[in-house]
Amino acid sequence: MNYILVRTVAILIASYITHVGVALTLNINTAWVALLTALVLAVINHTIRPIISAISLPITMLTLGAFSLVINGAMIVLASYCVSGFVIPSFIMAIYFSIVLTAVNWLLHIFE
């Protein structure tokens, strides 16, 4: 449960930094959307992502791991289709959001 709360805060911070995702004004609706997005991302990352990563392993090895950024972006776009208040305007912004989300999540787990 602590993982989901840290991911929720990371989504709120990353959406503020990148100006995409959840609305920029922090209110109870954006917190619920961020929590729902964190839950959906957790389900996607534990079910769909391992299958996609296994299928794309040769491409990932060929690009020395850079293709994992594309996989992260695809998972973010998939989550934005599932959550109505979470909006990603383009695939490039999804990749940018995933990079910022990873960095913020890493920083938050340092202080955990």
Protein backbone atom coordinates (compact mmCIF):
# COMPACT_ATOMS: atom_id res chain seq x y z
CA MET A 1 0.00 0.00 0.00
CA ASN A 2 2.90 2.31 0.73
CA TYR A 3 4.10 1.74 -2.85
CA ILE A 4 0.79 3.00 -4.25
CA LEU A 5 0.86 6.13 -2.08
CA VAL A 6 4.42 6.93 -3.14
CA ARG A 7 3.47 6.35 -6.78
CA THR A 8 0.43 8.63 -6.35
CA VAL A 9 2.61 11.46 -5.03
CA ALA A 10 5.10 10.80 -7.83
CA ILE A 11 2.33 11.07 -10.43
CA LEU A 12 1.16 14.37 -8.95
CA ILE A 13 4.70 15.78 -8.92
CA ALA A 14 5.53 14.49 -12.41
CA SER A 15 2.30 15.89 -13.83
CA TYR A 16 3.14 19.25 -12.29
CA ILE A 17 6.66 19.18 -13.77
CA THR A 18 5.62 18.04 -17.25
CA HIS A 19 2.27 19.89 -17.38
CA VAL A 20 0.52 16.72 -18.64
CA GLY A 21 -1.43 14.00 -16.95
CA VAL A 22 -3.52 15.12 -13.99
CA ALA A 23 -4.81 18.71 -13.78
CA LEU A 24 -2.33 21.23 -12.44
CA THR A 25 -4.48 22.48 -9.58
CA LEU A 26 -4.33 20.16 -6.61
CA ASN A 27 -7.76 19.33 -5.24
CA ILE A 28 -9.50 16.19 -4.08
CA ASN A 29 -10.48 15.19 -7.63
CA THR A 30 -6.90 15.31 -8.87
CA ALA A 31 -5.73 13.30 -5.88
CA TRP A 32 -8.33 10.62 -6.64
CA VAL A 33 -7.37 10.60 -10.31
CA ALA A 34 -3.70 10.27 -9.36
CA LEU A 35 -4.53 7.42 -6.97
CA LEU A 36 -6.61 5.67 -9.61
CA THR A 37 -3.81 6.18 -12.15
CA ALA A 38 -1.29 4.72 -9.71
CA LEU A 39 -3.51 1.68 -9.21
CA VAL A 40 -4.04 1.21 -12.94
CA LEU A 41 -0.32 1.60 -13.62
CA ALA A 42 0.45 -0.97 -10.92
CA VAL A 43 -1.93 -3.47 -12.52
CA ILE A 44 -0.57 -2.77 -16.01
CA ASN A 45 3.05 -3.01 -14.86
CA HIS A 46 2.42 -6.35 -13.14
CA THR A 47 0.33 -7.99 -15.86
CA ILE A 48 0.87 -6.55 -19.34
CA ARG A 49 4.38 -5.11 -19.10
CA PRO A 50 6.21 -8.44 -18.48
CA ILE A 51 4.59 -9.93 -21.57
CA ILE A 52 5.47 -6.92 -23.74
CA SER A 53 9.01 -6.85 -22.31
CA ALA A 54 9.52 -10.53 -23.07
CA ILE A 55 8.24 -10.16 -26.62
CA SER A 56 10.39 -7.09 -27.29
CA LEU A 57 13.54 -8.45 -25.64
CA PRO A 58 15.52 -8.70 -28.92
CA ILE A 59 14.73 -5.08 -29.80
CA THR A 60 15.58 -3.97 -26.27
CA MET A 61 18.91 -5.77 -26.44
CA LEU A 62 19.63 -4.34 -29.88
CA THR A 63 19.02 -0.78 -28.66
CA LEU A 64 20.92 -1.40 -25.41
CA GLY A 65 17.82 -0.89 -23.30
CA ALA A 66 16.58 2.31 -24.91
CA PHE A 67 13.47 0.55 -26.21
CA SER A 68 12.32 0.19 -22.61
CA LEU A 69 11.52 3.93 -22.72
CA VAL A 70 9.08 3.18 -25.55
CA ILE A 71 7.54 0.38 -23.48
CA ASN A 72 7.19 2.74 -20.50
CA GLY A 73 5.52 5.32 -22.72
CA ALA A 74 3.14 2.71 -24.10
CA MET A 75 2.14 1.69 -20.58
CA ILE A 76 1.49 5.36 -19.70
CA VAL A 77 -0.67 5.78 -22.82
CA LEU A 78 -2.57 2.60 -21.95
CA ALA A 79 -3.19 3.94 -18.44
CA SER A 80 -4.44 7.23 -19.89
CA TYR A 81 -7.00 5.29 -21.95
CA CYS A 82 -8.21 3.53 -18.79
CA VAL A 83 -8.45 6.57 -16.48
CA SER A 84 -10.73 9.35 -17.69
CA GLY A 85 -9.08 12.24 -15.79
CA PHE A 86 -5.54 11.29 -16.80
CA VAL A 87 -4.74 12.84 -20.19
CA ILE A 88 -1.56 12.36 -22.21
CA PRO A 89 -1.61 14.44 -25.42
CA SER A 90 1.01 12.52 -27.42
CA PHE A 91 3.28 9.51 -27.31
CA ILE A 92 6.39 11.70 -26.99
CA MET A 93 4.86 13.37 -23.94
CA ALA A 94 4.11 9.92 -22.53
CA ILE A 95 7.79 9.00 -22.84
CA TYR A 96 8.79 12.32 -21.25
CA PHE A 97 6.25 11.80 -18.47
CA SER A 98 7.57 8.27 -17.83
CA ILE A 99 11.15 9.56 -17.55
CA VAL A 100 10.13 12.26 -15.08
CA LEU A 101 7.89 9.81 -13.20
CA THR A 102 10.76 7.36 -12.87
CA ALA A 103 13.10 10.07 -11.56
CA VAL A 104 10.55 11.40 -9.06
CA ASN A 105 9.63 7.88 -7.95
CA TRP A 106 13.32 7.10 -7.41
CA LEU A 107 13.81 10.27 -5.35
CA LEU A 108 10.75 9.53 -3.23
CA HIS A 109 11.91 5.98 -2.55
CA ILE A 110 15.26 7.30 -1.32
CA PHE A 111 13.50 9.18 1.48
CA GLU A 112 11.09 6.34 2.26
